[in-house]
């Protein structure tokens, strides 16, 4: 496997393979035509998504596309966020939105905000006692409500809505980790 340096700190990135789809079968062998995954830096935690289709690699940078996660964000929260990117790149918007919501909830919990549900945790993180401003609180509640509708009411989320959710998730997670 070729070496992929991190665009932030130039250390080696770890490749995580997500979805394999579109199989061609010939000569009793299986040949995946499309592989989607992410590469996460072992040093700073920066990530980039990728898709390999018919031996062509396309990178979708989380850093330039949606923002960059701060080094202070925990590895658990970063993993949930990376899964959200992989779900988006795999064309599964409901899964991507769900992972954004999970990443925000993990970040809230790790920052010490408690509550009986996600709504309470978000409200407890609101300024003046918390760290989230009104816009970030609104973004967190939007993530909660959109995903709730997808999970409990079978409303489908549009793939085009996910990049803004990814950006909002990064903004919230960075603020909570600061």
Protein backbone atom coordinates (compact mmCIF):
# COMPACT_ATOMS: atom_id res chain seq x y z
CA UNK A 1 0.00 0.00 0.00
CA UNK A 2 1.40 3.43 -0.89
CA UNK A 3 2.39 5.82 1.86
CA UNK A 4 -0.10 8.68 2.32
CA UNK A 5 1.28 11.66 4.28
CA UNK A 6 -1.00 13.86 6.37
CA UNK A 7 -1.55 17.28 4.79
CA UNK A 8 -1.50 18.84 8.28
CA UNK A 9 1.61 17.33 9.92
CA UNK A 10 3.11 15.04 7.21
CA UNK A 11 2.97 11.90 9.40
CA UNK A 12 1.67 8.58 7.94
CA UNK A 13 -2.08 8.19 7.72
CA UNK A 14 -3.93 5.00 8.65
CA UNK A 15 -6.25 3.67 5.98
CA UNK A 16 -9.71 2.47 7.07
CA UNK A 17 -11.76 0.67 4.44
CA UNK A 18 -15.49 1.26 4.56
CA UNK A 19 -17.89 0.02 1.92
CA UNK A 20 -17.06 -2.33 -0.96
CA UNK A 21 -19.70 -2.43 -3.67
CA UNK A 22 -20.31 -3.16 -7.34
CA UNK A 23 -18.76 -6.61 -7.70
CA UNK A 24 -17.66 -8.06 -11.00
CA UNK A 25 -17.14 -11.80 -10.99
CA UNK A 26 -14.93 -13.44 -13.59
CA UNK A 27 -12.76 -16.55 -13.46
CA UNK A 28 -14.21 -17.43 -10.04
CA UNK A 29 -12.61 -14.31 -8.58
CA UNK A 30 -14.34 -11.33 -7.00
CA UNK A 31 -13.12 -7.91 -8.08
CA UNK A 32 -14.49 -4.93 -6.13
CA UNK A 33 -15.05 -1.95 -8.43
CA UNK A 34 -15.67 0.60 -5.68
CA UNK A 35 -14.04 0.91 -2.28
CA UNK A 36 -14.79 3.82 0.05
CA UNK A 37 -12.97 4.63 3.25
CA UNK A 38 -11.03 7.21 5.22
CA UNK A 39 -7.42 7.90 6.09
CA UNK A 40 -6.77 9.19 9.61
CA UNK A 41 -3.42 10.65 10.71
CA UNK A 42 -1.83 8.61 13.50
CA UNK A 43 -0.22 11.77 14.89
CA UNK A 44 -2.71 14.67 14.75
CA UNK A 45 -6.00 12.92 13.95
CA UNK A 46 -6.71 14.86 10.74
CA UNK A 47 -8.70 12.84 8.24
CA UNK A 48 -9.46 12.56 4.58
CA UNK A 49 -12.02 10.42 2.81
CA UNK A 50 -11.30 8.46 -0.32
CA UNK A 51 -13.03 6.41 -2.96
CA UNK A 52 -11.33 3.90 -5.26
CA UNK A 53 -13.32 3.13 -8.39
CA UNK A 54 -11.86 0.96 -11.14
CA UNK A 55 -8.29 1.59 -9.88
CA UNK A 56 -8.72 5.38 -9.72
CA UNK A 57 -8.33 7.00 -6.29
CA UNK A 58 -10.24 10.17 -5.45
CA UNK A 59 -9.62 11.93 -2.13
CA UNK A 60 -12.31 14.01 -0.43
CA UNK A 61 -10.58 16.05 2.21
CA UNK A 62 -12.46 16.62 5.42
CA UNK A 63 -10.03 19.44 6.18
CA UNK A 64 -10.80 21.51 3.12
CA UNK A 65 -14.38 20.39 2.62
CA UNK A 66 -15.92 20.55 6.05
CA UNK A 67 -13.31 21.93 8.44
CA UNK A 68 -10.61 20.34 10.54
CA UNK A 69 -11.03 18.64 13.91
CA UNK A 70 -8.88 20.13 16.67
CA UNK A 71 -6.18 17.90 18.17
CA UNK A 72 -7.96 18.18 21.55
CA UNK A 73 -11.01 16.27 20.23
CA UNK A 74 -10.94 12.76 21.69
CA UNK A 75 -10.12 9.76 19.54
CA UNK A 76 -13.58 8.33 20.24
CA UNK A 77 -15.34 11.45 18.96
CA UNK A 78 -12.96 11.60 15.96
CA UNK A 79 -13.81 8.00 15.11
CA UNK A 80 -17.55 8.75 15.16
CA UNK A 81 -16.96 11.79 12.95
CA UNK A 82 -14.78 9.77 10.54
CA UNK A 83 -17.60 7.23 10.28
CA UNK A 84 -20.00 10.07 9.42
CA UNK A 85 -17.71 11.10 6.55
CA UNK A 86 -17.42 7.51 5.32
CA UNK A 87 -21.21 7.13 5.43
CA UNK A 88 -21.58 10.34 3.41
CA UNK A 89 -19.02 9.17 0.86
CA UNK A 90 -20.82 5.84 0.68
CA UNK A 91 -24.07 7.56 -0.23
CA UNK A 92 -25.89 6.74 3.01
CA UNK A 93 -27.12 10.11 4.33
CA UNK A 94 -29.27 8.73 7.18
CA UNK A 95 -26.25 6.86 8.55
CA UNK A 96 -24.03 9.95 8.10
CA UNK A 97 -26.49 12.15 9.98
CA UNK A 98 -26.81 9.57 12.74
CA UNK A 99 -23.04 9.43 13.17
CA UNK A 100 -22.87 13.26 13.28
CA UNK A 101 -25.46 13.21 16.05
CA UNK A 102 -23.53 10.49 17.91
CA UNK A 103 -20.27 12.43 17.57
CA UNK A 104 -21.91 15.54 19.04
CA UNK A 105 -23.41 13.55 21.91
CA UNK A 106 -20.05 11.92 22.70
CA UNK A 107 -18.33 15.33 22.61
CA UNK A 108 -20.96 16.82 24.94
CA UNK A 109 -20.58 13.95 27.40
CA UNK A 110 -16.78 14.10 27.32
CA UNK A 111 -16.91 17.87 27.92
CA UNK A 112 -18.86 17.16 31.12
CA UNK A 113 -22.35 18.19 30.04
CA UNK A 114 -25.01 15.87 31.41
CA UNK A 115 -28.71 15.49 31.05
CA UNK A 116 -31.43 12.91 30.74
CA UNK A 117 -31.41 13.25 26.94
CA UNK A 118 -29.53 14.97 24.11
CA UNK A 119 -31.77 18.05 24.31
CA UNK A 120 -30.78 18.58 27.96
CA UNK A 121 -27.08 18.08 27.23
CA UNK A 122 -27.20 20.69 24.45
CA UNK A 123 -29.08 23.17 26.65
CA UNK A 124 -26.58 22.63 29.49
CA UNK A 125 -23.70 23.43 27.10
CA UNK A 126 -25.29 26.79 26.17
CA UNK A 127 -23.63 30.04 27.21
CA UNK A 128 -23.31 31.73 29.70
CA UNK A 129 -22.57 28.65 31.82
CA UNK A 130 -21.51 26.47 28.88
CA UNK A 131 -19.27 27.05 25.86
CA UNK A 132 -21.70 26.90 22.93
CA UNK A 133 -23.09 30.14 21.50
CA UNK A 134 -26.64 30.47 20.16
CA UNK A 135 -25.64 29.46 16.61
CA UNK A 136 -23.82 26.33 17.79
CA UNK A 137 -26.74 25.40 20.05
CA UNK A 138 -29.07 25.83 17.06
CA UNK A 139 -26.82 23.64 14.90
CA UNK A 140 -26.69 20.94 17.58
CA UNK A 141 -30.48 20.97 17.96
CA UNK A 142 -30.89 20.85 14.16
CA UNK A 143 -28.68 17.75 14.04
CA UNK A 144 -30.74 16.20 16.84
CA UNK A 145 -34.10 16.95 15.19
CA UNK A 146 -33.14 15.96 11.65
CA UNK A 147 -31.73 12.66 12.83
CA UNK A 148 -34.68 12.02 15.14
CA UNK A 149 -37.00 12.30 12.17
CA UNK A 150 -34.85 9.90 10.16
CA UNK A 151 -34.68 7.33 12.96
CA UNK A 152 -38.18 7.50 14.43
CA UNK A 153 -40.34 8.77 11.59
CA UNK A 154 -38.62 7.15 8.60
CA UNK A 155 -38.04 10.55 6.96
CA UNK A 156 -35.17 10.30 4.53
CA UNK A 157 -32.35 12.80 4.74
CA UNK A 158 -31.07 14.25 1.48
CA UNK A 159 -27.43 13.52 0.65
CA UNK A 160 -26.97 17.21 -0.28
CA UNK A 161 -27.74 18.18 3.35
CA UNK A 162 -24.87 16.17 4.83
CA UNK A 163 -21.90 18.48 4.04
CA UNK A 164 -23.46 21.24 6.15
CA UNK A 165 -24.09 18.73 8.95
CA UNK A 166 -20.44 17.62 8.78
CA UNK A 167 -19.28 21.26 8.99
CA UNK A 168 -21.60 21.97 11.92
CA UNK A 169 -20.44 18.82 13.72
CA UNK A 170 -16.80 19.87 13.41
CA UNK A 171 -17.58 23.39 14.67
CA UNK A 172 -19.44 22.04 17.72
CA UNK A 173 -16.89 19.34 18.54
CA UNK A 174 -13.97 21.80 18.33
CA UNK A 175 -15.73 24.27 20.62
CA UNK A 176 -16.53 21.54 23.15
CA UNK A 177 -12.91 20.30 23.12
CA UNK A 178 -11.39 23.78 23.60
